[in-house]
């Protein structure tokens, strides 16, 4: 692992965390303007405001830890975890938006 790629990836993850926070805020508020959400859906969206950006921060921390302890380049795969979580969130929100 090189310090340049770790730094660039960590900065990218921190920017992604801000994007994820805004994504959840905007999509949850637009869902709230439609038909009433159930208690479970509301609670899930409220929790995801913090959980989704936390995936980016945690993955950046894991890669930094691996870098400091001599990890191999396979540690870069941790940067994909928040992207998978974001796609999962988008699938969930689109499903909520298409409910009848």
Protein backbone atom coordinates (compact mmCIF):
# COMPACT_ATOMS: atom_id res chain seq x y z
CA UNK A 1 0.00 0.00 0.00
CA UNK A 2 1.37 3.41 -0.91
CA UNK A 3 0.83 6.53 1.15
CA UNK A 4 -0.45 8.48 -1.85
CA UNK A 5 -3.25 6.04 -2.65
CA UNK A 6 -4.19 5.64 0.99
CA UNK A 7 -4.39 9.42 1.41
CA UNK A 8 -6.37 9.87 -1.79
CA UNK A 9 -8.72 7.00 -0.93
CA UNK A 10 -9.27 8.27 2.60
CA UNK A 11 -10.09 11.78 1.37
CA UNK A 12 -12.46 10.25 -1.17
CA UNK A 13 -14.17 8.24 1.56
CA UNK A 14 -14.64 11.35 3.69
CA UNK A 15 -16.17 13.19 0.74
CA UNK A 16 -18.38 10.17 0.07
CA UNK A 17 -19.57 10.29 3.69
CA UNK A 18 -20.81 13.85 3.17
CA UNK A 19 -22.54 12.82 -0.04
CA UNK A 20 -24.17 9.84 1.67
CA UNK A 21 -25.43 12.06 4.49
CA UNK A 22 -27.00 14.47 2.00
CA UNK A 23 -28.38 11.59 -0.08
CA UNK A 24 -30.22 10.13 2.90
CA UNK A 25 -31.53 13.53 4.03
CA UNK A 26 -32.91 14.43 0.59
CA UNK A 27 -34.33 11.00 -0.24
CA UNK A 28 -35.89 10.49 3.20
CA UNK A 29 -37.52 13.91 3.15
CA UNK A 30 -38.90 13.31 -0.33
CA UNK A 31 -40.33 9.98 0.83
CA UNK A 32 -41.87 11.76 3.82
CA UNK A 33 -43.77 14.07 1.47
CA UNK A 34 -45.62 11.11 -0.05
CA UNK A 35 -47.86 8.54 1.60
CA UNK A 36 -47.26 8.01 5.29
CA UNK A 37 -44.33 5.78 6.17
CA UNK A 38 -44.66 3.05 8.76
CA UNK A 39 -42.83 3.24 12.07
CA UNK A 40 -40.23 0.70 10.95
CA UNK A 41 -39.49 2.53 7.69
CA UNK A 42 -39.26 5.86 9.50
CA UNK A 43 -36.93 4.43 12.12
CA UNK A 44 -34.76 2.81 9.46
CA UNK A 45 -34.42 6.06 7.51
CA UNK A 46 -33.63 8.00 10.68
CA UNK A 47 -30.90 5.50 11.59
CA UNK A 48 -29.49 5.43 8.06
CA UNK A 49 -28.82 9.17 8.24
CA UNK A 50 -25.87 8.28 10.48
CA UNK A 51 -25.18 4.63 9.62
CA UNK A 52 -24.60 5.09 5.88
CA UNK A 53 -21.93 7.83 6.25
CA UNK A 54 -20.38 5.82 9.09
CA UNK A 55 -19.62 3.04 6.61
CA UNK A 56 -17.30 5.40 4.73
CA UNK A 57 -15.56 6.58 7.88
CA UNK A 58 -15.12 3.05 9.19
CA UNK A 59 -13.76 1.76 5.89
CA UNK A 60 -11.26 4.64 5.72
CA UNK A 61 -10.20 3.88 9.30
CA UNK A 62 -9.74 0.19 8.46
CA UNK A 63 -7.57 1.00 5.45
CA UNK A 64 -5.49 3.44 7.53
CA UNK A 65 -5.06 0.77 10.19
CA UNK A 66 -3.98 -1.77 7.59
CA UNK A 67 -1.55 0.72 6.08
CA UNK A 68 0.04 1.52 9.44
CA UNK A 69 0.40 -2.17 10.22
CA UNK A 70 1.91 -3.21 6.90
CA UNK A 71 -1.20 -4.48 5.14
CA UNK A 72 -1.15 -5.59 1.52
CA UNK A 73 -2.86 -3.92 -1.39
CA UNK A 74 -5.91 -6.14 -0.91
CA UNK A 75 -6.84 -3.76 1.92
CA UNK A 76 -7.98 -1.29 -0.74
CA UNK A 77 -11.07 -3.47 -1.19
CA UNK A 78 -12.41 -1.95 2.02
CA UNK A 79 -13.02 1.22 0.03
CA UNK A 80 -15.74 -0.66 -1.89
CA UNK A 81 -17.81 -1.40 1.23
CA UNK A 82 -19.50 2.05 1.41
CA UNK A 83 -20.25 1.92 -2.30
CA UNK A 84 -22.05 -1.39 -1.86
CA UNK A 85 -23.92 0.06 1.15
CA UNK A 86 -24.95 3.08 -0.93
CA UNK A 87 -26.28 0.89 -3.73
CA UNK A 88 -28.17 -1.17 -1.14
CA UNK A 89 -29.65 2.02 0.31
CA UNK A 90 -30.73 3.22 -3.14
CA UNK A 91 -32.44 -0.11 -3.83
CA UNK A 92 -34.24 0.18 -0.46
CA UNK A 93 -35.37 3.76 -1.10
CA UNK A 94 -36.53 3.04 -4.63
CA UNK A 95 -38.51 0.11 -3.25
CA UNK A 96 -40.10 2.39 -0.64
CA UNK A 97 -40.89 4.95 -3.32
CA UNK A 98 -42.64 2.36 -5.49
CA UNK A 99 -44.87 1.03 -2.72
CA UNK A 100 -48.58 1.42 -3.20
